[in-house]
Amino acid sequence: MKQSGRGIRVKMISVTAAAVLGVSALGACGSSGSGENAVSVEVEGKYKASDFEQLDISSDTTKWICAAYAIYTKYNDKSLSAIGGLEGDDREWYRDSIKEELSGGWGIKGRKDVERVVNKLLAKGHKEEYAKTIQELKKKKLLDLSTEEAMANLPDDEDLSRYQVAHEAYQKYGEHGIDGWDYCRALQILGDCYQAEYINLEECLDMSLPIAEKLQSTYESWEGVAESYLYGFSFWKEELPDDYESQERWDTYEELKTMQASPYEVDYKHKAGKYLEGRGREKESGCRTG
């Protein structure tokens, strides 16, 4: 596992990324990113360990959730087959490092912070700033042009990287150009909170599955999820997709696609509504209603 001064190298979690998030009320489970039918999570009561383990979960459900943030996981040399990227002795060994990253990067210092932070990310995240940028491009009458033509029509003193990434993302995925960046990070944070023992595995799944369904309703394939995630990273970093840090992640994505037993081999349309298997049990997923 790649290391930094504080433990696990988690470059994509940063104070900057967390600080831009705002507060917004959310609706019930649904298929849009904000406003009507927005997806949200809820954490109730005190922490209690689950009475089942990942081995009890439908293997395709585990694979789907892990695939959603596989770029992050692979980049940080974590396990692609475990929710939260850690398994076996590594779970206890790196737990303090995970807690440090959650605290320093997201302000999550315990169970009470999980719902607040994840819901901010789901409601606004960077997709809110992306929407504003798209409106600016629309006012400049640049959305009907190719990205190359649009950038040629912007003054040199404009924030060209932000406009170019937003324009490229919009050309491919419209208003959902970087939604995957926010939703995949929400899933990754829930996995980290499970590893930190702020939420248990059942809670992690109950909160993750509606977000997974949101991704499925927004994008047609793993390509859409991954590319919107990568565009979102570049948008946040204010750099172009071929700049160093962004290119590293695009390279990671290409490696994931071509590797043996690629995480993207799991059926993108997999229905994870019933995620427990074996031991005579079955669990229905869905949004909590209080």
C-alpha atoms as a PDB file:
ATOM      1  CA  MET A   1       0.000   0.000   0.000  1.00  0.00           C
ATOM      2  CA  LYS A   2       1.426   3.393  -0.966  1.00  0.00           C
ATOM      3  CA  GLN A   3       2.306   5.480   2.022  1.00  0.00           C
ATOM      4  CA  SER A   4       2.382   9.150   2.947  1.00  0.00           C
ATOM      5  CA  GLY A   5       3.599  10.883   6.072  1.00  0.00           C
ATOM      6  CA  ARG A   6       0.343  10.130   7.834  1.00  0.00           C
ATOM      7  CA  GLY A   7      -0.186   6.565   6.658  1.00  0.00           C
ATOM      8  CA  ILE A   8      -2.287   5.445   3.711  1.00  0.00           C
ATOM      9  CA  ARG A   9      -1.851   7.695   0.697  1.00  0.00           C
ATOM     10  CA  VAL A  10      -5.309   9.070   0.076  1.00  0.00           C
ATOM     11  CA  LYS A  11      -4.635  11.957  -2.260  1.00  0.00           C
ATOM     12  CA  MET A  12      -8.198  12.407  -3.401  1.00  0.00           C
ATOM     13  CA  ILE A  13      -9.486  13.132   0.086  1.00  0.00           C
ATOM     14  CA  SER A  14      -8.378  16.621   0.993  1.00  0.00           C
ATOM     15  CA  VAL A  15      -9.418  19.544   3.111  1.00  0.00           C
ATOM     16  CA  THR A  16      -9.881  21.569  -0.076  1.00  0.00           C
ATOM     17  CA  ALA A  17     -12.288  19.030  -1.515  1.00  0.00           C
ATOM     18  CA  ALA A  18     -14.331  18.964   1.662  1.00  0.00           C
ATOM     19  CA  ALA A  19     -14.331  22.694   2.311  1.00  0.00           C
ATOM     20  CA  VAL A  20     -16.232  23.640  -0.837  1.00  0.00           C
ATOM     21  CA  LEU A  21     -19.297  21.618   0.118  1.00  0.00           C
ATOM     22  CA  GLY A  22     -22.380  23.446   1.297  1.00  0.00           C
ATOM     23  CA  VAL A  23     -25.469  22.528   3.282  1.00  0.00           C
ATOM     24  CA  SER A  24     -28.650  21.547   1.478  1.00  0.00           C
ATOM     25  CA  ALA A  25     -31.875  19.797   2.373  1.00  0.00           C
ATOM     26  CA  LEU A  26     -32.440  16.526   0.534  1.00  0.00           C
ATOM     27  CA  GLY A  27     -35.498  14.620  -0.487  1.00  0.00           C
ATOM     28  CA  ALA A  28     -36.131  10.898  -0.618  1.00  0.00           C
ATOM     29  CA  CYS A  29     -34.509   8.180  -2.705  1.00  0.00           C
ATOM     30  CA  GLY A  30     -34.640   8.871  -6.425  1.00  0.00           C
ATOM     31  CA  SER A  31     -32.797   9.264  -9.679  1.00  0.00           C
ATOM     32  CA  SER A  32     -31.665  12.880  -9.798  1.00  0.00           C
ATOM     33  CA  GLY A  33     -28.624  14.451  -8.201  1.00  0.00           C
ATOM     34  CA  SER A  34     -30.232  17.410  -6.475  1.00  0.00           C
ATOM     35  CA  GLY A  35     -33.606  18.944  -5.863  1.00  0.00           C
ATOM     36  CA  GLU A  36     -36.579  16.689  -6.515  1.00  0.00           C
ATOM     37  CA  ASN A  37     -36.077  13.012  -5.624  1.00  0.00           C
ATOM     38  CA  ALA A  38     -32.508  13.534  -4.378  1.00  0.00           C
ATOM     39  CA  VAL A  39     -30.784  10.597  -2.730  1.00  0.00           C
ATOM     40  CA  SER A  40     -29.713  10.924   0.909  1.00  0.00           C
ATOM     41  CA  VAL A  41     -28.397   8.846   3.791  1.00  0.00           C
ATOM     42  CA  GLU A  42     -29.365   8.564   7.446  1.00  0.00           C
ATOM     43  CA  VAL A  43     -27.398   7.306  10.452  1.00  0.00           C
ATOM     44  CA  GLU A  44     -29.355   6.385  13.567  1.00  0.00           C
ATOM     45  CA  GLY A  45     -28.458   5.403  17.126  1.00  0.00           C
ATOM     46  CA  LYS A  46     -25.111   4.152  18.362  1.00  0.00           C
ATOM     47  CA  TYR A  47     -22.598   1.966  16.556  1.00  0.00           C
ATOM     48  CA  LYS A  48     -23.201  -1.767  16.741  1.00  0.00           C
ATOM     49  CA  ALA A  49     -21.223  -4.331  14.760  1.00  0.00           C
ATOM     50  CA  SER A  50     -23.130  -6.188  12.031  1.00  0.00           C
ATOM     51  CA  ASP A  51     -24.020  -9.817  12.557  1.00  0.00           C
ATOM     52  CA  PHE A  52     -22.742 -10.683   9.068  1.00  0.00           C
ATOM     53  CA  GLU A  53     -19.544 -10.180   7.061  1.00  0.00           C
ATOM     54  CA  GLN A  54     -18.651  -9.392   3.470  1.00  0.00           C
ATOM     55  CA  LEU A  55     -18.606 -13.120   2.689  1.00  0.00           C
ATOM     56  CA  ASP A  56     -22.366 -13.129   3.355  1.00  0.00           C
ATOM     57  CA  ILE A  57     -23.020 -10.465   0.722  1.00  0.00           C
ATOM     58  CA  SER A  58     -23.901 -11.258  -2.877  1.00  0.00           C
ATOM     59  CA  SER A  59     -20.530 -11.270  -4.615  1.00  0.00           C
ATOM     60  CA  ASP A  60     -21.786  -9.111  -7.499  1.00  0.00           C
ATOM     61  CA  THR A  61     -23.082  -6.515  -5.040  1.00  0.00           C
ATOM     62  CA  THR A  62     -19.671  -6.277  -3.387  1.00  0.00           C
ATOM     63  CA  LYS A  63     -17.987  -6.122  -6.784  1.00  0.00           C
ATOM     64  CA  TRP A  64     -20.333  -3.377  -7.985  1.00  0.00           C
ATOM     65  CA  ILE A  65     -19.733  -1.107  -5.012  1.00  0.00           C
ATOM     66  CA  CYS A  66     -15.976  -1.691  -5.179  1.00  0.00           C
ATOM     67  CA  ALA A  67     -15.946  -1.021  -8.929  1.00  0.00           C
ATOM     68  CA  ALA A  68     -17.594   2.369  -8.446  1.00  0.00           C
ATOM     69  CA  TYR A  69     -14.503   3.732  -6.681  1.00  0.00           C
ATOM     70  CA  ALA A  70     -11.954   1.344  -8.191  1.00  0.00           C
ATOM     71  CA  ILE A  71      -9.842   4.201  -9.608  1.00  0.00           C
ATOM     72  CA  TYR A  72      -9.379   5.612  -6.123  1.00  0.00           C
ATOM     73  CA  THR A  73      -8.715   2.149  -4.680  1.00  0.00           C
ATOM     74  CA  LYS A  74      -6.189   1.126  -7.319  1.00  0.00           C
ATOM     75  CA  TYR A  75      -4.395   4.474  -7.189  1.00  0.00           C
ATOM     76  CA  ASN A  76      -3.905   4.002  -3.456  1.00  0.00           C
ATOM     77  CA  ASP A  77      -2.822   0.345  -3.751  1.00  0.00           C
ATOM     78  CA  LYS A  78      -5.764  -0.951  -1.737  1.00  0.00           C
ATOM     79  CA  SER A  79      -7.823  -4.096  -2.240  1.00  0.00           C
ATOM     80  CA  LEU A  80     -10.205  -3.978  -5.194  1.00  0.00           C
ATOM     81  CA  SER A  81     -12.344  -6.762  -3.737  1.00  0.00           C
ATOM     82  CA  ALA A  82     -13.134  -5.330  -0.289  1.00  0.00           C
ATOM     83  CA  ILE A  83     -15.612  -2.612   0.623  1.00  0.00           C
ATOM     84  CA  GLY A  84     -13.457   0.235   1.880  1.00  0.00           C
ATOM     85  CA  GLY A  85     -10.384  -1.343   0.274  1.00  0.00           C
ATOM     86  CA  LEU A  86      -9.075  -3.182   3.341  1.00  0.00           C
ATOM     87  CA  GLU A  87      -9.424  -6.792   4.436  1.00  0.00           C
ATOM     88  CA  GLY A  88      -7.929  -9.214   6.922  1.00  0.00           C
ATOM     89  CA  ASP A  89      -5.322  -7.841   9.315  1.00  0.00           C
ATOM     90  CA  ASP A  90      -5.049  -4.630   7.267  1.00  0.00           C
ATOM     91  CA  ARG A  91      -8.419  -3.508   8.617  1.00  0.00           C
ATOM     92  CA  GLU A  92      -7.107  -3.120  12.157  1.00  0.00           C
ATOM     93  CA  TRP A  93      -3.586  -2.142  11.085  1.00  0.00           C
ATOM     94  CA  TYR A  94      -4.716   0.879   9.037  1.00  0.00           C
ATOM     95  CA  ARG A  95      -7.814   1.879  11.011  1.00  0.00           C
ATOM     96  CA  ASP A  96      -6.130   4.838  12.724  1.00  0.00           C
ATOM     97  CA  SER A  97      -4.805   6.077   9.369  1.00  0.00           C
ATOM     98  CA  ILE A  98      -8.297   5.911   7.890  1.00  0.00           C
ATOM     99  CA  LYS A  99      -9.653   7.876  10.843  1.00  0.00           C
ATOM    100  CA  GLU A 100      -6.969  10.532  10.361  1.00  0.00           C
ATOM    101  CA  GLU A 101      -7.833  10.880   6.684  1.00  0.00           C
ATOM    102  CA  LEU A 102     -11.554  11.132   7.399  1.00  0.00           C
ATOM    103  CA  SER A 103     -10.947  13.769  10.060  1.00  0.00           C
ATOM    104  CA  GLY A 104      -8.395  15.832   8.165  1.00  0.00           C
ATOM    105  CA  GLY A 105      -9.989  15.520   4.746  1.00  0.00           C
ATOM    106  CA  TRP A 106     -13.699  15.599   5.483  1.00  0.00           C
ATOM    107  CA  GLY A 107     -14.162  16.657   9.094  1.00  0.00           C
ATOM    108  CA  ILE A 108     -15.570  13.218   9.948  1.00  0.00           C
ATOM    109  CA  LYS A 109     -14.428  12.547  13.496  1.00  0.00           C
ATOM    110  CA  GLY A 110     -17.021   9.992  14.455  1.00  0.00           C
ATOM    111  CA  ARG A 111     -20.395   8.459  13.748  1.00  0.00           C
ATOM    112  CA  LYS A 112     -22.275  11.713  14.283  1.00  0.00           C
ATOM    113  CA  ASP A 113     -20.511  13.364  11.325  1.00  0.00           C
ATOM    114  CA  VAL A 114     -21.128  10.701   8.670  1.00  0.00           C
ATOM    115  CA  GLU A 115     -24.680  11.630   7.683  1.00  0.00           C
ATOM    116  CA  ARG A 116     -23.970  15.370   7.555  1.00  0.00           C
ATOM    117  CA  VAL A 117     -20.871  15.124   5.386  1.00  0.00           C
ATOM    118  CA  VAL A 118     -22.144  12.501   2.951  1.00  0.00           C
ATOM    119  CA  ASN A 119     -25.431  14.325   2.451  1.00  0.00           C
ATOM    120  CA  LYS A 120     -23.605  17.585   1.701  1.00  0.00           C
ATOM    121  CA  LEU A 121     -21.620  15.751  -0.932  1.00  0.00           C
ATOM    122  CA  LEU A 122     -24.705  14.141  -2.445  1.00  0.00           C
ATOM    123  CA  ALA A 123     -26.675  17.385  -2.467  1.00  0.00           C
ATOM    124  CA  LYS A 124     -24.015  19.745  -3.802  1.00  0.00           C
ATOM    125  CA  GLY A 125     -20.448  18.541  -4.054  1.00  0.00           C
ATOM    126  CA  HIS A 126     -18.606  19.875  -7.085  1.00  0.00           C
ATOM    127  CA  LYS A 127     -21.558  19.298  -9.399  1.00  0.00           C
ATOM    128  CA  GLU A 128     -23.053  22.541  -8.118  1.00  0.00           C
ATOM    129  CA  GLU A 129     -20.022  24.560  -9.250  1.00  0.00           C
ATOM    130  CA  TYR A 130     -20.006  22.584 -12.496  1.00  0.00           C
ATOM    131  CA  ALA A 131     -23.621  23.621 -13.140  1.00  0.00           C
ATOM    132  CA  LYS A 132     -22.665  27.278 -12.626  1.00  0.00           C
ATOM    133  CA  THR A 133     -19.758  26.906 -15.036  1.00  0.00           C
ATOM    134  CA  ILE A 134     -22.032  25.352 -17.659  1.00  0.00           C
ATOM    135  CA  GLN A 135     -24.408  28.293 -17.299  1.00  0.00           C
ATOM    136  CA  GLU A 136     -21.485  30.663 -17.889  1.00  0.00           C
ATOM    137  CA  LEU A 137     -20.557  28.772 -21.048  1.00  0.00           C
ATOM    138  CA  LYS A 138     -24.176  28.841 -22.155  1.00  0.00           C
ATOM    139  CA  LYS A 139     -24.360  32.623 -21.697  1.00  0.00           C
ATOM    140  CA  LYS A 140     -21.203  32.945 -23.778  1.00  0.00           C
ATOM    141  CA  LYS A 141     -22.932  30.806 -26.462  1.00  0.00           C
ATOM    142  CA  LEU A 142     -20.075  28.295 -26.435  1.00  0.00           C
ATOM    143  CA  LEU A 143     -21.866  25.012 -25.742  1.00  0.00           C
ATOM    144  CA  ASP A 144     -22.811  24.465 -29.396  1.00  0.00           C
ATOM    145  CA  LEU A 145     -19.166  24.705 -30.450  1.00  0.00           C
ATOM    146  CA  SER A 146     -16.524  22.016 -30.240  1.00  0.00           C
ATOM    147  CA  THR A 147     -14.342  22.268 -27.145  1.00  0.00           C
ATOM    148  CA  GLU A 148     -11.404  23.463 -29.262  1.00  0.00           C
ATOM    149  CA  GLU A 149     -13.508  26.187 -30.885  1.00  0.00           C
ATOM    150  CA  ALA A 150     -15.051  27.198 -27.565  1.00  0.00           C
ATOM    151  CA  MET A 151     -11.679  27.608 -25.853  1.00  0.00           C
ATOM    152  CA  ALA A 152     -10.390  29.673 -28.779  1.00  0.00           C
ATOM    153  CA  ASN A 153     -13.229  32.120 -28.110  1.00  0.00           C
ATOM    154  CA  LEU A 154     -12.290  32.683 -24.461  1.00  0.00           C
ATOM    155  CA  PRO A 155      -9.875  35.430 -23.367  1.00  0.00           C
ATOM    156  CA  ASP A 156      -6.435  34.281 -22.232  1.00  0.00           C
ATOM    157  CA  ASP A 157      -7.103  35.527 -18.700  1.00  0.00           C
ATOM    158  CA  GLU A 158     -10.116  33.231 -18.275  1.00  0.00           C
ATOM    159  CA  ASP A 159      -9.859  30.085 -16.143  1.00  0.00           C
ATOM    160  CA  LEU A 160      -9.375  27.952 -19.241  1.00  0.00           C
ATOM    161  CA  SER A 161      -8.789  24.628 -17.490  1.00  0.00           C
ATOM    162  CA  ARG A 162     -12.078  24.835 -15.600  1.00  0.00           C
ATOM    163  CA  TYR A 163     -13.998  25.842 -18.711  1.00  0.00           C
ATOM    164  CA  GLN A 164     -12.339  23.217 -20.891  1.00  0.00           C
ATOM    165  CA  VAL A 165     -12.969  20.334 -18.496  1.00  0.00           C
ATOM    166  CA  ALA A 166     -16.579  21.425 -17.982  1.00  0.00           C
ATOM    167  CA  HIS A 167     -17.090  21.784 -21.738  1.00  0.00           C
ATOM    168  CA  GLU A 168     -15.619  18.343 -22.464  1.00  0.00           C
ATOM    169  CA  ALA A 169     -17.694  16.742 -19.713  1.00  0.00           C
ATOM    170  CA  TYR A 170     -20.846  18.466 -20.958  1.00  0.00           C
ATOM    171  CA  GLN A 171     -20.263  17.310 -24.529  1.00  0.00           C
ATOM    172  CA  LYS A 172     -20.282  13.701 -23.307  1.00  0.00           C
ATOM    173  CA  TYR A 173     -22.629  13.671 -20.321  1.00  0.00           C
ATOM    174  CA  GLY A 174     -24.572  16.916 -20.324  1.00  0.00           C
ATOM    175  CA  GLU A 175     -25.684  18.282 -16.959  1.00  0.00           C
ATOM    176  CA  HIS A 176     -24.410  15.104 -15.276  1.00  0.00           C
ATOM    177  CA  GLY A 177     -20.861  15.718 -16.514  1.00  0.00           C
ATOM    178  CA  ILE A 178     -19.190  15.252 -13.124  1.00  0.00           C
ATOM    179  CA  ASP A 179     -21.954  13.734 -10.982  1.00  0.00           C
ATOM    180  CA  GLY A 180     -19.980  10.503 -10.854  1.00  0.00           C
ATOM    181  CA  TRP A 181     -17.156  12.314  -9.052  1.00  0.00           C
ATOM    182  CA  ASP A 182     -19.480  13.200  -6.181  1.00  0.00           C
ATOM    183  CA  TYR A 183     -21.428   9.924  -6.027  1.00  0.00           C
ATOM    184  CA  CYS A 184     -18.356   7.679  -6.233  1.00  0.00           C
ATOM    185  CA  ARG A 185     -16.654   9.685  -3.501  1.00  0.00           C
ATOM    186  CA  ALA A 186     -19.768   9.321  -1.353  1.00  0.00           C
ATOM    187  CA  LEU A 187     -19.541   5.538  -1.759  1.00  0.00           C
ATOM    188  CA  GLN A 188     -15.821   5.612  -1.018  1.00  0.00           C
ATOM    189  CA  ILE A 189     -16.357   7.691   2.131  1.00  0.00           C
ATOM    190  CA  LEU A 190     -19.007   5.249   3.351  1.00  0.00           C
ATOM    191  CA  GLY A 191     -16.525   2.425   2.791  1.00  0.00           C
ATOM    192  CA  ASP A 192     -13.898   4.312   4.778  1.00  0.00           C
ATOM    193  CA  CYS A 193     -16.406   4.991   7.567  1.00  0.00           C
ATOM    194  CA  TYR A 194     -17.129   1.257   7.687  1.00  0.00           C
ATOM    195  CA  GLN A 195     -13.398   0.555   7.957  1.00  0.00           C
ATOM    196  CA  ALA A 196     -13.127   3.170  10.720  1.00  0.00           C
ATOM    197  CA  GLU A 197     -16.035   1.465  12.539  1.00  0.00           C
ATOM    198  CA  TYR A 198     -18.139   4.615  12.515  1.00  0.00           C
ATOM    199  CA  ILE A 199     -20.864   2.652  10.705  1.00  0.00           C
ATOM    200  CA  ASN A 200     -21.293  -1.100  10.430  1.00  0.00           C
ATOM    201  CA  LEU A 201     -21.373  -3.150   7.239  1.00  0.00           C
ATOM    202  CA  GLU A 202     -25.162  -3.311   7.092  1.00  0.00           C
ATOM    203  CA  GLU A 203     -25.449   0.465   7.465  1.00  0.00           C
ATOM    204  CA  CYS A 204     -22.743   0.955   4.854  1.00  0.00           C
ATOM    205  CA  LEU A 205     -24.690  -1.184   2.394  1.00  0.00           C
ATOM    206  CA  ASP A 206     -28.062   0.368   3.195  1.00  0.00           C
ATOM    207  CA  MET A 207     -26.622   3.808   2.467  1.00  0.00           C
ATOM    208  CA  SER A 208     -24.510   2.734  -0.514  1.00  0.00           C
ATOM    209  CA  LEU A 209     -27.111   0.902  -2.573  1.00  0.00           C
ATOM    210  CA  PRO A 210     -29.409   3.884  -3.274  1.00  0.00           C
ATOM    211  CA  ILE A 211     -26.315   5.806  -4.421  1.00  0.00           C
ATOM    212  CA  ALA A 212     -25.379   2.885  -6.667  1.00  0.00           C
ATOM    213  CA  GLU A 213     -28.879   2.909  -8.130  1.00  0.00           C
ATOM    214  CA  LYS A 214     -28.503   6.644  -8.699  1.00  0.00           C
ATOM    215  CA  LEU A 215     -25.350   6.045 -10.727  1.00  0.00           C
ATOM    216  CA  GLN A 216     -27.099   3.323 -12.739  1.00  0.00           C
ATOM    217  CA  SER A 217     -29.959   5.675 -13.579  1.00  0.00           C
ATOM    218  CA  THR A 218     -27.598   8.513 -14.521  1.00  0.00           C
ATOM    219  CA  TYR A 219     -25.034   6.699 -16.685  1.00  0.00           C
ATOM    220  CA  GLU A 220     -25.438   3.857 -19.162  1.00  0.00           C
ATOM    221  CA  SER A 221     -22.205   2.007 -18.400  1.00  0.00           C
ATOM    222  CA  TRP A 222     -19.074   1.853 -16.276  1.00  0.00           C
ATOM    223  CA  GLU A 223     -17.432   4.123 -18.819  1.00  0.00           C
ATOM    224  CA  GLY A 224     -19.815   6.933 -17.934  1.00  0.00           C
ATOM    225  CA  VAL A 225     -19.274   6.478 -14.200  1.00  0.00           C
ATOM    226  CA  ALA A 226     -15.491   6.416 -14.527  1.00  0.00           C
ATOM    227  CA  GLU A 227     -15.185   9.279 -16.995  1.00  0.00           C
ATOM    228  CA  SER A 228     -17.493  11.580 -15.029  1.00  0.00           C
ATOM    229  CA  TYR A 229     -15.423  10.765 -11.945  1.00  0.00           C
ATOM    230  CA  LEU A 230     -12.219  11.649 -13.791  1.00  0.00           C
ATOM    231  CA  TYR A 231     -13.651  14.850 -15.245  1.00  0.00           C
ATOM    232  CA  GLY A 232     -14.731  15.785 -11.726  1.00  0.00           C
ATOM    233  CA  PHE A 233     -11.240  15.230 -10.376  1.00  0.00           C
ATOM    234  CA  SER A 234      -9.758  17.520 -13.046  1.00  0.00           C
ATOM    235  CA  PHE A 235     -12.482  20.110 -12.429  1.00  0.00           C
ATOM    236  CA  TRP A 236     -11.683  20.126  -8.711  1.00  0.00           C
ATOM    237  CA  LYS A 237      -7.924  20.267  -9.289  1.00  0.00           C
ATOM    238  CA  GLU A 238      -8.387  23.031 -11.889  1.00  0.00           C
ATOM    239  CA  GLU A 239      -6.209  21.198 -14.362  1.00  0.00           C
ATOM    240  CA  LEU A 240      -6.660  19.548 -17.751  1.00  0.00           C
ATOM    241  CA  PRO A 241      -7.215  15.795 -18.108  1.00  0.00           C
ATOM    242  CA  ASP A 242      -3.701  15.391 -19.531  1.00  0.00           C
ATOM    243  CA  ASP A 243      -2.020  17.349 -16.721  1.00  0.00           C
ATOM    244  CA  TYR A 244       0.057  15.237 -14.358  1.00  0.00           C
ATOM    245  CA  GLU A 245      -2.281  14.255 -11.513  1.00  0.00           C
ATOM    246  CA  SER A 246      -5.303  13.864 -13.768  1.00  0.00           C
ATOM    247  CA  GLN A 247      -3.324  11.835 -16.290  1.00  0.00           C
ATOM    248  CA  GLU A 248      -2.182   9.507 -13.510  1.00  0.00           C
ATOM    249  CA  ARG A 249      -5.801   8.686 -12.773  1.00  0.00           C
ATOM    250  CA  TRP A 250      -6.746   8.276 -16.427  1.00  0.00           C
ATOM    251  CA  ASP A 251      -3.811   5.860 -16.683  1.00  0.00           C
ATOM    252  CA  THR A 252      -5.110   4.019 -13.626  1.00  0.00           C
ATOM    253  CA  TYR A 253      -8.521   3.721 -15.278  1.00  0.00           C
ATOM    254  CA  GLU A 254      -6.958   2.319 -18.457  1.00  0.00           C
ATOM    255  CA  GLU A 255      -5.035  -0.201 -16.367  1.00  0.00           C
ATOM    256  CA  LEU A 256      -8.213  -1.266 -14.578  1.00  0.00           C
ATOM    257  CA  LYS A 257     -10.044  -1.779 -17.863  1.00  0.00           C
ATOM    258  CA  THR A 258      -7.401  -4.067 -19.319  1.00  0.00           C
ATOM    259  CA  MET A 259      -6.271  -5.988 -16.237  1.00  0.00           C
ATOM    260  CA  GLN A 260      -7.175  -9.612 -15.714  1.00  0.00           C
ATOM    261  CA  ALA A 261     -10.339  -9.872 -13.591  1.00  0.00           C
ATOM    262  CA  SER A 262     -11.129  -6.201 -14.179  1.00  0.00           C
ATOM    263  CA  PRO A 263     -13.528  -4.722 -11.606  1.00  0.00           C
ATOM    264  CA  TYR A 264     -15.624  -3.512 -14.539  1.00  0.00           C
ATOM    265  CA  GLU A 265     -16.459  -7.090 -15.546  1.00  0.00           C
ATOM    266  CA  VAL A 266     -19.337  -7.075 -13.060  1.00  0.00           C
ATOM    267  CA  ASP A 267     -22.671  -6.437 -14.779  1.00  0.00           C
ATOM    268  CA  TYR A 268     -23.299  -2.692 -14.668  1.00  0.00           C
ATOM    269  CA  LYS A 269     -27.063  -3.299 -14.564  1.00  0.00           C
ATOM    270  CA  HIS A 270     -26.756  -5.673 -11.594  1.00  0.00           C
ATOM    271  CA  LYS A 271     -29.734  -5.258  -9.278  1.00  0.00           C
ATOM    272  CA  ALA A 272     -28.445  -5.210  -5.731  1.00  0.00           C
ATOM    273  CA  GLY A 273     -31.793  -4.850  -3.988  1.00  0.00           C
ATOM    274  CA  LYS A 274     -31.307  -8.117  -2.095  1.00  0.00           C
ATOM    275  CA  TYR A 275     -27.718  -8.223  -0.980  1.00  0.00           C
ATOM    276  CA  LEU A 276     -27.392 -11.074   1.534  1.00  0.00           C
ATOM    277  CA  GLU A 277     -26.965 -14.604   0.353  1.00  0.00           C
ATOM    278  CA  GLY A 278     -26.341 -17.904   2.076  1.00  0.00           C
ATOM    279  CA  ARG A 279     -26.986 -18.775   5.713  1.00  0.00           C
ATOM    280  CA  GLY A 280     -30.727 -18.636   4.964  1.00  0.00           C
ATOM    281  CA  ARG A 281     -30.964 -14.852   5.092  1.00  0.00           C
ATOM    282  CA  GLU A 282     -31.891 -12.131   2.663  1.00  0.00           C
ATOM    283  CA  LYS A 283     -31.843  -8.394   3.175  1.00  0.00           C
ATOM    284  CA  GLU A 284     -33.830  -5.837   1.202  1.00  0.00           C
ATOM    285  CA  SER A 285     -32.055  -2.563   0.527  1.00  0.00           C
ATOM    286  CA  GLY A 286     -33.701   0.820   0.329  1.00  0.00           C
ATOM    287  CA  CYS A 287     -33.722   4.308   1.730  1.00  0.00           C
ATOM    288  CA  ARG A 288     -34.293   4.805   5.416  1.00  0.00           C
ATOM    289  CA  THR A 289     -37.400   6.763   6.280  1.00  0.00           C
ATOM    290  CA  GLY A 290     -36.666   7.405   9.930  1.00  0.00           C
END
